[in-house]
Amino acid sequence: MFEGWGSSSGRYNTTSISKVLHKACRIAGVEKKTTFHTLSHSFATHLLEQGTSIYVIQRLLGHSHISTSSMYVHVQQHSLDQVISPIDAVS
């Protein structure tokens, strides 16, 4: 599928991989600027919105420190309104 998209040497580096990403975005009709950081950020944000633990996200993204992963937590603040306290369930 990606044959002929990368480096002429057959080896991939940051530049050739970025070219593959940009070409795939053009083919898919994605007009917004897209980087691998964009993909990583979107991936983490969607996982967090689905309730995935920040510790799991840390491991998946390969972050050494939880503080690096915790920057995604601010995105989820809108979900706080939907949280039901266990205390409210007590009758």
PDB file of N, CA and C in Angstrom:
ATOM      1  N   MET A   1       0.814  -1.193   0.000  1.00  0.00           N
ATOM      2  CA  MET A   1       0.000   0.000   0.000  1.00  0.00           C
ATOM      3  C   MET A   1       0.855   1.253   0.000  1.00  0.00           C
ATOM      4  N   PHE A   2       1.949   1.260   0.779  1.00  0.00           N
ATOM      5  CA  PHE A   2       2.790   2.436   0.872  1.00  0.00           C
ATOM      6  C   PHE A   2       4.036   2.316   0.008  1.00  0.00           C
ATOM      7  N   GLU A   3       4.061   1.327  -0.867  1.00  0.00           N
ATOM      8  CA  GLU A   3       5.222   1.128  -1.715  1.00  0.00           C
ATOM      9  C   GLU A   3       5.453   2.356  -2.590  1.00  0.00           C
ATOM     10  N   GLY A   4       6.687   2.808  -2.628  1.00  0.00           N
ATOM     11  CA  GLY A   4       7.027   3.966  -3.434  1.00  0.00           C
ATOM     12  C   GLY A   4       6.723   5.293  -2.759  1.00  0.00           C
ATOM     13  N   TRP A   5       6.267   5.261  -1.535  1.00  0.00           N
ATOM     14  CA  TRP A   5       5.910   6.504  -0.835  1.00  0.00           C
ATOM     15  C   TRP A   5       7.068   7.051  -0.027  1.00  0.00           C
ATOM     16  N   GLY A   6       8.036   6.242   0.285  1.00  0.00           N
ATOM     17  CA  GLY A   6       9.091   6.644   1.209  1.00  0.00           C
ATOM     18  C   GLY A   6      10.367   7.065   0.516  1.00  0.00           C
ATOM     19  N   SER A   7      11.428   6.812   1.178  1.00  0.00           N
ATOM     20  CA  SER A   7      12.749   7.190   0.723  1.00  0.00           C
ATOM     21  C   SER A   7      13.154   6.345  -0.480  1.00  0.00           C
ATOM     22  N   SER A   8      13.948   6.934  -1.377  1.00  0.00           N
ATOM     23  CA  SER A   8      14.421   6.187  -2.555  1.00  0.00           C
ATOM     24  C   SER A   8      15.396   5.085  -2.150  1.00  0.00           C
ATOM     25  N   SER A   9      15.991   5.213  -0.959  1.00  0.00           N
ATOM     26  CA  SER A   9      16.927   4.195  -0.487  1.00  0.00           C
ATOM     27  C   SER A   9      16.209   2.996   0.122  1.00  0.00           C
ATOM     28  N   GLY A  10      14.887   3.120   0.297  1.00  0.00           N
ATOM     29  CA  GLY A  10      14.137   2.042   0.915  1.00  0.00           C
ATOM     30  C   GLY A  10      14.116   2.138   2.427  1.00  0.00           C
ATOM     31  N   ARG A  11      14.848   3.106   2.959  1.00  0.00           N
ATOM     32  CA  ARG A  11      14.867   3.325   4.415  1.00  0.00           C
ATOM     33  C   ARG A  11      13.994   4.514   4.747  1.00  0.00           C
ATOM     34  N   TYR A  12      13.384   4.443   5.888  1.00  0.00           N
ATOM     35  CA  TYR A  12      12.512   5.526   6.316  1.00  0.00           C
ATOM     36  C   TYR A  12      13.175   6.330   7.421  1.00  0.00           C
ATOM     37  N   ASN A  13      12.990   7.621   7.349  1.00  0.00           N
ATOM     38  CA  ASN A  13      13.453   8.524   8.394  1.00  0.00           C
ATOM     39  C   ASN A  13      12.303   9.479   8.689  1.00  0.00           C
ATOM     40  N   THR A  14      12.544  10.428   9.565  1.00  0.00           N
ATOM     41  CA  THR A  14      11.481  11.345   9.965  1.00  0.00           C
ATOM     42  C   THR A  14      10.886  12.074   8.772  1.00  0.00           C
ATOM     43  N   THR A  15      11.732  12.519   7.870  1.00  0.00           N
ATOM     44  CA  THR A  15      11.265  13.262   6.697  1.00  0.00           C
ATOM     45  C   THR A  15      10.428  12.387   5.779  1.00  0.00           C
ATOM     46  N   SER A  16      10.901  11.184   5.488  1.00  0.00           N
ATOM     47  CA  SER A  16      10.155  10.323   4.560  1.00  0.00           C
ATOM     48  C   SER A  16       8.830   9.858   5.183  1.00  0.00           C
ATOM     49  N   ILE A  17       8.817   9.611   6.478  1.00  0.00           N
ATOM     50  CA  ILE A  17       7.574   9.206   7.138  1.00  0.00           C
ATOM     51  C   ILE A  17       6.575  10.366   7.130  1.00  0.00           C
ATOM     52  N   SER A  18       7.062  11.575   7.335  1.00  0.00           N
ATOM     53  CA  SER A  18       6.183  12.756   7.279  1.00  0.00           C
ATOM     54  C   SER A  18       5.593  12.915   5.883  1.00  0.00           C
ATOM     55  N   LYS A  19       6.392  12.646   4.867  1.00  0.00           N
ATOM     56  CA  LYS A  19       5.884  12.724   3.495  1.00  0.00           C
ATOM     57  C   LYS A  19       4.776  11.695   3.269  1.00  0.00           C
ATOM     58  N   VAL A  20       4.940  10.503   3.833  1.00  0.00           N
ATOM     59  CA  VAL A  20       3.912   9.466   3.720  1.00  0.00           C
ATOM     60  C   VAL A  20       2.623   9.953   4.388  1.00  0.00           C
ATOM     61  N   LEU A  21       2.750  10.528   5.577  1.00  0.00           N
ATOM     62  CA  LEU A  21       1.584  11.042   6.289  1.00  0.00           C
ATOM     63  C   LEU A  21       0.879  12.120   5.474  1.00  0.00           C
ATOM     64  N   HIS A  22       1.642  13.077   4.955  1.00  0.00           N
ATOM     65  CA  HIS A  22       1.042  14.178   4.194  1.00  0.00           C
ATOM     66  C   HIS A  22       0.390  13.690   2.901  1.00  0.00           C
ATOM     67  N   LYS A  23       1.017  12.712   2.253  1.00  0.00           N
ATOM     68  CA  LYS A  23       0.425  12.166   1.029  1.00  0.00           C
ATOM     69  C   LYS A  23      -0.875  11.422   1.353  1.00  0.00           C
ATOM     70  N   ALA A  24      -0.865  10.650   2.443  1.00  0.00           N
ATOM     71  CA  ALA A  24      -2.077   9.927   2.847  1.00  0.00           C
ATOM     72  C   ALA A  24      -3.196  10.906   3.185  1.00  0.00           C
ATOM     73  N   CYS A  25      -2.858  12.010   3.823  1.00  0.00           N
ATOM     74  CA  CYS A  25      -3.867  13.020   4.160  1.00  0.00           C
ATOM     75  C   CYS A  25      -4.443  13.655   2.895  1.00  0.00           C
ATOM     76  N   ARG A  26      -3.577  13.948   1.929  1.00  0.00           N
ATOM     77  CA  ARG A  26      -4.064  14.520   0.659  1.00  0.00           C
ATOM     78  C   ARG A  26      -5.021  13.554  -0.022  1.00  0.00           C
ATOM     79  N   ILE A  27      -4.636  12.284  -0.081  1.00  0.00           N
ATOM     80  CA  ILE A  27      -5.468  11.271  -0.726  1.00  0.00           C
ATOM     81  C   ILE A  27      -6.819  11.144   0.001  1.00  0.00           C
ATOM     82  N   ALA A  28      -6.783  11.244   1.334  1.00  0.00           N
ATOM     83  CA  ALA A  28      -8.006  11.113   2.129  1.00  0.00           C
ATOM     84  C   ALA A  28      -8.836  12.392   2.143  1.00  0.00           C
ATOM     85  N   GLY A  29      -8.292  13.461   1.575  1.00  0.00           N
ATOM     86  CA  GLY A  29      -9.031  14.722   1.532  1.00  0.00           C
ATOM     87  C   GLY A  29      -8.948  15.528   2.816  1.00  0.00           C
ATOM     88  N   VAL A  30      -7.985  15.205   3.673  1.00  0.00           N
ATOM     89  CA  VAL A  30      -7.794  15.955   4.917  1.00  0.00           C
ATOM     90  C   VAL A  30      -7.052  17.241   4.578  1.00  0.00           C
ATOM     91  N   GLU A  31      -7.706  18.370   4.797  1.00  0.00           N
ATOM     92  CA  GLU A  31      -7.107  19.651   4.439  1.00  0.00           C
ATOM     93  C   GLU A  31      -6.381  20.302   5.611  1.00  0.00           C
ATOM     94  N   LYS A  32      -6.746  19.924   6.824  1.00  0.00           N
ATOM     95  CA  LYS A  32      -6.119  20.495   8.009  1.00  0.00           C
ATOM     96  C   LYS A  32      -4.677  19.995   8.123  1.00  0.00           C
ATOM     97  N   LYS A  33      -3.775  20.881   8.564  1.00  0.00           N
ATOM     98  CA  LYS A  33      -2.381  20.482   8.748  1.00  0.00           C
ATOM     99  C   LYS A  33      -2.324  19.343   9.759  1.00  0.00           C
ATOM    100  N   THR A  34      -1.665  18.267   9.397  1.00  0.00           N
ATOM    101  CA  THR A  34      -1.594  17.090  10.250  1.00  0.00           C
ATOM    102  C   THR A  34      -0.146  16.698  10.457  1.00  0.00           C
ATOM    103  N   THR A  35       0.192  16.452  11.718  1.00  0.00           N
ATOM    104  CA  THR A  35       1.530  15.985  12.075  1.00  0.00           C
ATOM    105  C   THR A  35       1.376  14.731  12.923  1.00  0.00           C
ATOM    106  N   PHE A  36       2.494  14.075  13.187  1.00  0.00           N
ATOM    107  CA  PHE A  36       2.421  12.904  14.048  1.00  0.00           C
ATOM    108  C   PHE A  36       2.036  13.300  15.468  1.00  0.00           C
ATOM    109  N   HIS A  37       2.393  14.498  15.886  1.00  0.00           N
ATOM    110  CA  HIS A  37       1.956  14.981  17.190  1.00  0.00           C
ATOM    111  C   HIS A  37       0.436  15.128  17.206  1.00  0.00           C
ATOM    112  N   THR A  38      -0.136  15.610  16.112  1.00  0.00           N
ATOM    113  CA  THR A  38      -1.594  15.724  16.003  1.00  0.00           C
ATOM    114  C   THR A  38      -2.243  14.347  16.177  1.00  0.00           C
ATOM    115  N   LEU A  39      -1.696  13.354  15.515  1.00  0.00           N
ATOM    116  CA  LEU A  39      -2.251  11.997  15.617  1.00  0.00           C
ATOM    117  C   LEU A  39      -2.127  11.458  17.042  1.00  0.00           C
ATOM    118  N   SER A  40      -0.978  11.677  17.656  1.00  0.00           N
ATOM    119  CA  SER A  40      -0.752  11.219  19.022  1.00  0.00           C
ATOM    120  C   SER A  40      -1.713  11.907  19.990  1.00  0.00           C
ATOM    121  N   HIS A  41      -1.873  13.201  19.814  1.00  0.00           N
ATOM    122  CA  HIS A  41      -2.768  13.975  20.676  1.00  0.00           C
ATOM    123  C   HIS A  41      -4.215  13.503  20.510  1.00  0.00           C
ATOM    124  N   SER A  42      -4.635  13.289  19.273  1.00  0.00           N
ATOM    125  CA  SER A  42      -5.998  12.817  19.010  1.00  0.00           C
ATOM    126  C   SER A  42      -6.219  11.428  19.598  1.00  0.00           C
ATOM    127  N   PHE A  43      -5.251  10.564  19.423  1.00  0.00           N
ATOM    128  CA  PHE A  43      -5.314   9.202  19.957  1.00  0.00           C
ATOM    129  C   PHE A  43      -5.507   9.233  21.469  1.00  0.00           C
ATOM    130  N   ALA A  44      -4.666  10.002  22.153  1.00  0.00           N
ATOM    131  CA  ALA A  44      -4.741  10.088  23.618  1.00  0.00           C
ATOM    132  C   ALA A  44      -6.051  10.718  24.077  1.00  0.00           C
ATOM    133  N   THR A  45      -6.473  11.755  23.394  1.00  0.00           N
ATOM    134  CA  THR A  45      -7.713  12.439  23.761  1.00  0.00           C
ATOM    135  C   THR A  45      -8.913  11.513  23.631  1.00  0.00           C
ATOM    136  N   HIS A  46      -8.998  10.771  22.528  1.00  0.00           N
ATOM    137  CA  HIS A  46     -10.119   9.844  22.335  1.00  0.00           C
ATOM    138  C   HIS A  46     -10.107   8.724  23.375  1.00  0.00           C
ATOM    139  N   LEU A  47      -8.922   8.214  23.688  1.00  0.00           N
ATOM    140  CA  LEU A  47      -8.845   7.182  24.722  1.00  0.00           C
ATOM    141  C   LEU A  47      -9.322   7.713  26.064  1.00  0.00           C
ATOM    142  N   LEU A  48      -8.898   8.912  26.396  1.00  0.00           N
ATOM    143  CA  LEU A  48      -9.292   9.525  27.662  1.00  0.00           C
ATOM    144  C   LEU A  48     -10.796   9.748  27.719  1.00  0.00           C
ATOM    145  N   GLU A  49     -11.374  10.206  26.615  1.00  0.00           N
ATOM    146  CA  GLU A  49     -12.823  10.438  26.558  1.00  0.00           C
ATOM    147  C   GLU A  49     -13.615   9.138  26.683  1.00  0.00           C
ATOM    148  N   GLN A  50     -12.988   8.020  26.310  1.00  0.00           N
ATOM    149  CA  GLN A  50     -13.643   6.714  26.438  1.00  0.00           C
ATOM    150  C   GLN A  50     -13.441   6.104  27.824  1.00  0.00           C
ATOM    151  N   GLY A  51     -12.734   6.839  28.689  1.00  0.00           N
ATOM    152  CA  GLY A  51     -12.542   6.367  30.056  1.00  0.00           C
ATOM    153  C   GLY A  51     -11.274   5.583  30.299  1.00  0.00           C
ATOM    154  N   THR A  52     -10.359   5.572  29.356  1.00  0.00           N
ATOM    155  CA  THR A  52      -9.097   4.862  29.536  1.00  0.00           C
ATOM    156  C   THR A  52      -8.259   5.570  30.602  1.00  0.00           C
ATOM    157  N   SER A  53      -7.658   4.811  31.456  1.00  0.00           N
ATOM    158  CA  SER A  53      -6.828   5.349  32.527  1.00  0.00           C
ATOM    159  C   SER A  53      -5.653   6.147  31.954  1.00  0.00           C
ATOM    160  N   ILE A  54      -5.332   7.259  32.595  1.00  0.00           N
ATOM    161  CA  ILE A  54      -4.196   8.080  32.173  1.00  0.00           C
ATOM    162  C   ILE A  54      -2.894   7.275  32.248  1.00  0.00           C
ATOM    163  N   TYR A  55      -2.840   6.299  33.156  1.00  0.00           N
ATOM    164  CA  TYR A  55      -1.649   5.459  33.277  1.00  0.00           C
ATOM    165  C   TYR A  55      -1.502   4.528  32.074  1.00  0.00           C
ATOM    166  N   VAL A  56      -2.616   4.040  31.563  1.00  0.00           N
ATOM    167  CA  VAL A  56      -2.588   3.208  30.355  1.00  0.00           C
ATOM    168  C   VAL A  56      -2.160   4.066  29.165  1.00  0.00           C
ATOM    169  N   ILE A  57      -2.699   5.268  29.073  1.00  0.00           N
ATOM    170  CA  ILE A  57      -2.335   6.179  27.988  1.00  0.00           C
ATOM    171  C   ILE A  57      -0.840   6.502  28.045  1.00  0.00           C
ATOM    172  N   GLN A  58      -0.334   6.705  29.256  1.00  0.00           N
ATOM    173  CA  GLN A  58       1.096   6.964  29.428  1.00  0.00           C
ATOM    174  C   GLN A  58       1.922   5.836  28.818  1.00  0.00           C
ATOM    175  N   ARG A  59       1.550   4.608  29.111  1.00  0.00           N
ATOM    176  CA  ARG A  59       2.292   3.454  28.584  1.00  0.00           C
ATOM    177  C   ARG A  59       2.166   3.350  27.073  1.00  0.00           C
ATOM    178  N   LEU A  60       0.942   3.562  26.562  1.00  0.00           N
ATOM    179  CA  LEU A  60       0.727   3.451  25.116  1.00  0.00           C
ATOM    180  C   LEU A  60       1.521   4.496  24.335  1.00  0.00           C
ATOM    181  N   LEU A  61       1.642   5.701  24.899  1.00  0.00           N
ATOM    182  CA  LEU A  61       2.367   6.766  24.222  1.00  0.00           C
ATOM    183  C   LEU A  61       3.866   6.699  24.482  1.00  0.00           C
ATOM    184  N   GLY A  62       4.270   5.855  25.408  1.00  0.00           N
ATOM    185  CA  GLY A  62       5.694   5.711  25.701  1.00  0.00           C
ATOM    186  C   GLY A  62       6.266   6.855  26.527  1.00  0.00           C
ATOM    187  N   HIS A  63       5.416   7.537  27.276  1.00  0.00           N
ATOM    188  CA  HIS A  63       5.893   8.626  28.117  1.00  0.00           C
ATOM    189  C   HIS A  63       6.563   8.064  29.370  1.00  0.00           C
ATOM    190  N   SER A  64       7.712   8.613  29.718  1.00  0.00           N
ATOM    191  CA  SER A  64       8.420   8.178  30.917  1.00  0.00           C
ATOM    192  C   SER A  64       7.766   8.703  32.179  1.00  0.00           C
ATOM    193  N   HIS A  65       7.177   9.879  32.088  1.00  0.00           N
ATOM    194  CA  HIS A  65       6.602  10.537  33.260  1.00  0.00           C
ATOM    195  C   HIS A  65       5.112  10.797  33.048  1.00  0.00           C
ATOM    196  N   ILE A  66       4.339  10.583  34.085  1.00  0.00           N
ATOM    197  CA  ILE A  66       2.884  10.799  34.017  1.00  0.00           C
ATOM    198  C   ILE A  66       2.572  12.261  33.728  1.00  0.00           C
ATOM    199  N   SER A  67       3.446  13.170  34.127  1.00  0.00           N
ATOM    200  CA  SER A  67       3.201  14.597  33.889  1.00  0.00           C
ATOM    201  C   SER A  67       3.128  14.910  32.392  1.00  0.00           C
ATOM    202  N   THR A  68       3.853  14.163  31.590  1.00  0.00           N
ATOM    203  CA  THR A  68       3.796  14.362  30.134  1.00  0.00           C
ATOM    204  C   THR A  68       2.422  13.965  29.609  1.00  0.00           C
ATOM    205  N   SER A  69       1.890  12.872  30.115  1.00  0.00           N
ATOM    206  CA  SER A  69       0.580  12.390  29.672  1.00  0.00           C
ATOM    207  C   SER A  69      -0.561  13.215  30.247  1.00  0.00           C
ATOM    208  N   SER A  70      -0.335  13.817  31.404  1.00  0.00           N
ATOM    209  CA  SER A  70      -1.424  14.521  32.088  1.00  0.00           C
ATOM    210  C   SER A  70      -1.875  15.777  31.351  1.00  0.00           C
ATOM    211  N   MET A  71      -1.123  16.215  30.352  1.00  0.00           N
ATOM    212  CA  MET A  71      -1.561  17.388  29.595  1.00  0.00           C
ATOM    213  C   MET A  71      -2.864  17.114  28.841  1.00  0.00           C
ATOM    214  N   TYR A  72      -3.206  15.848  28.646  1.00  0.00           N
ATOM    215  CA  TYR A  72      -4.438  15.506  27.944  1.00  0.00           C
ATOM    216  C   TYR A  72      -5.655  15.583  28.855  1.00  0.00           C
ATOM    217  N   VAL A  73      -5.444  15.622  30.149  1.00  0.00           N
ATOM    218  CA  VAL A  73      -6.549  15.613  31.102  1.00  0.00           C
ATOM    219  C   VAL A  73      -7.419  16.858  30.962  1.00  0.00           C
ATOM    220  N   HIS A  74      -6.831  18.008  30.639  1.00  0.00           N
ATOM    221  CA  HIS A  74      -7.616  19.243  30.521  1.00  0.00           C
ATOM    222  C   HIS A  74      -8.694  19.136  29.451  1.00  0.00           C
ATOM    223  N   VAL A  75      -8.474  18.302  28.478  1.00  0.00           N
ATOM    224  CA  VAL A  75      -9.429  18.142  27.389  1.00  0.00           C
ATOM    225  C   VAL A  75     -10.712  17.508  27.897  1.00  0.00           C
ATOM    226  N   GLN A  76     -10.610  16.716  28.931  1.00  0.00           N
ATOM    227  CA  GLN A  76     -11.731  15.946  29.426  1.00  0.00           C
ATOM    228  C   GLN A  76     -12.575  16.708  30.446  1.00  0.00           C
ATOM    229  N   GLN A  77     -12.273  17.936  30.733  1.00  0.00           N
ATOM    230  CA  GLN A  77     -12.972  18.673  31.780  1.00  0.00           C
ATOM    231  C   GLN A  77     -14.482  18.757  31.539  1.00  0.00           C
ATOM    232  N   HIS A  78     -14.918  18.785  30.280  1.00  0.00           N
ATOM    233  CA  HIS A  78     -16.348  18.865  30.005  1.00  0.00           C
ATOM    234  C   HIS A  78     -17.094  17.640  30.532  1.00  0.00           C
ATOM    235  N   SER A  79     -16.399  16.542  30.727  1.00  0.00           N
ATOM    236  CA  SER A  79     -17.020  15.313  31.220  1.00  0.00           C
ATOM    237  C   SER A  79     -17.346  15.373  32.705  1.00  0.00           C
ATOM    238  N   LEU A  80     -16.757  16.323  33.420  1.00  0.00           N
ATOM    239  CA  LEU A  80     -17.010  16.421  34.856  1.00  0.00           C
ATOM    240  C   LEU A  80     -18.487  16.632  35.170  1.00  0.00           C
ATOM    241  N   ASP A  81     -19.195  17.347  34.305  1.00  0.00           N
ATOM    242  CA  ASP A  81     -20.617  17.603  34.519  1.00  0.00           C
ATOM    243  C   ASP A  81     -21.445  16.322  34.454  1.00  0.00           C
ATOM    244  N   GLN A  82     -20.911  15.306  33.797  1.00  0.00           N
ATOM    245  CA  GLN A  82     -21.654  14.065  33.608  1.00  0.00           C
ATOM    246  C   GLN A  82     -21.368  13.026  34.693  1.00  0.00           C
ATOM    247  N   VAL A  83     -20.427  13.337  35.586  1.00  0.00           N
ATOM    248  CA  VAL A  83     -20.064  12.386  36.637  1.00  0.00           C
ATOM    249  C   VAL A  83     -21.124  12.388  37.722  1.00  0.00           C
ATOM    250  N   ILE A  84     -21.555  11.205  38.088  1.00  0.00           N
ATOM    251  CA  ILE A  84     -22.514  11.050  39.166  1.00  0.00           C
ATOM    252  C   ILE A  84     -21.754  10.579  40.390  1.00  0.00           C
ATOM    253  N   SER A  85     -21.856  11.302  41.466  1.00  0.00           N
ATOM    254  CA  SER A  85     -21.163  10.958  42.698  1.00  0.00           C
ATOM    255  C   SER A  85     -21.781   9.709  43.303  1.00  0.00           C
ATOM    256  N   PRO A  86     -20.959   8.798  43.808  1.00  0.00           N
ATOM    257  CA  PRO A  86     -21.493   7.621  44.489  1.00  0.00           C
ATOM    258  C   PRO A  86     -22.332   8.010  45.714  1.00  0.00           C
ATOM    259  N   ILE A  87     -22.039   9.158  46.296  1.00  0.00           N
ATOM    260  CA  ILE A  87     -22.804   9.630  47.452  1.00  0.00           C
ATOM    261  C   ILE A  87     -24.237   9.940  47.055  1.00  0.00           C
ATOM    262  N   ASP A  88     -24.424  10.467  45.829  1.00  0.00           N
ATOM    263  CA  ASP A  88     -25.773  10.771  45.357  1.00  0.00           C
ATOM    264  C   ASP A  88     -26.606   9.507  45.155  1.00  0.00           C
ATOM    265  N   ALA A  89     -25.945   8.375  44.962  1.00  0.00           N
ATOM    266  CA  ALA A  89     -26.660   7.115  44.748  1.00  0.00           C
ATOM    267  C   ALA A  89     -27.162   6.509  46.033  1.00  0.00           C
ATOM    268  N   VAL A  90     -26.646   6.991  47.175  1.00  0.00           N
ATOM    269  CA  VAL A  90     -27.064   6.460  48.471  1.00  0.00           C
ATOM    270  C   VAL A  90     -28.416   7.039  48.833  1.00  0.00           C
ATOM    271  N   SER A  91     -29.368   6.177  49.108  1.00  0.00           N
ATOM    272  CA  SER A  91     -30.726   6.629  49.451  1.00  0.00           C
ATOM    273  C   SER A  91     -30.941   6.640  50.940  1.00  0.00           C
TER     274      SER A  91
END
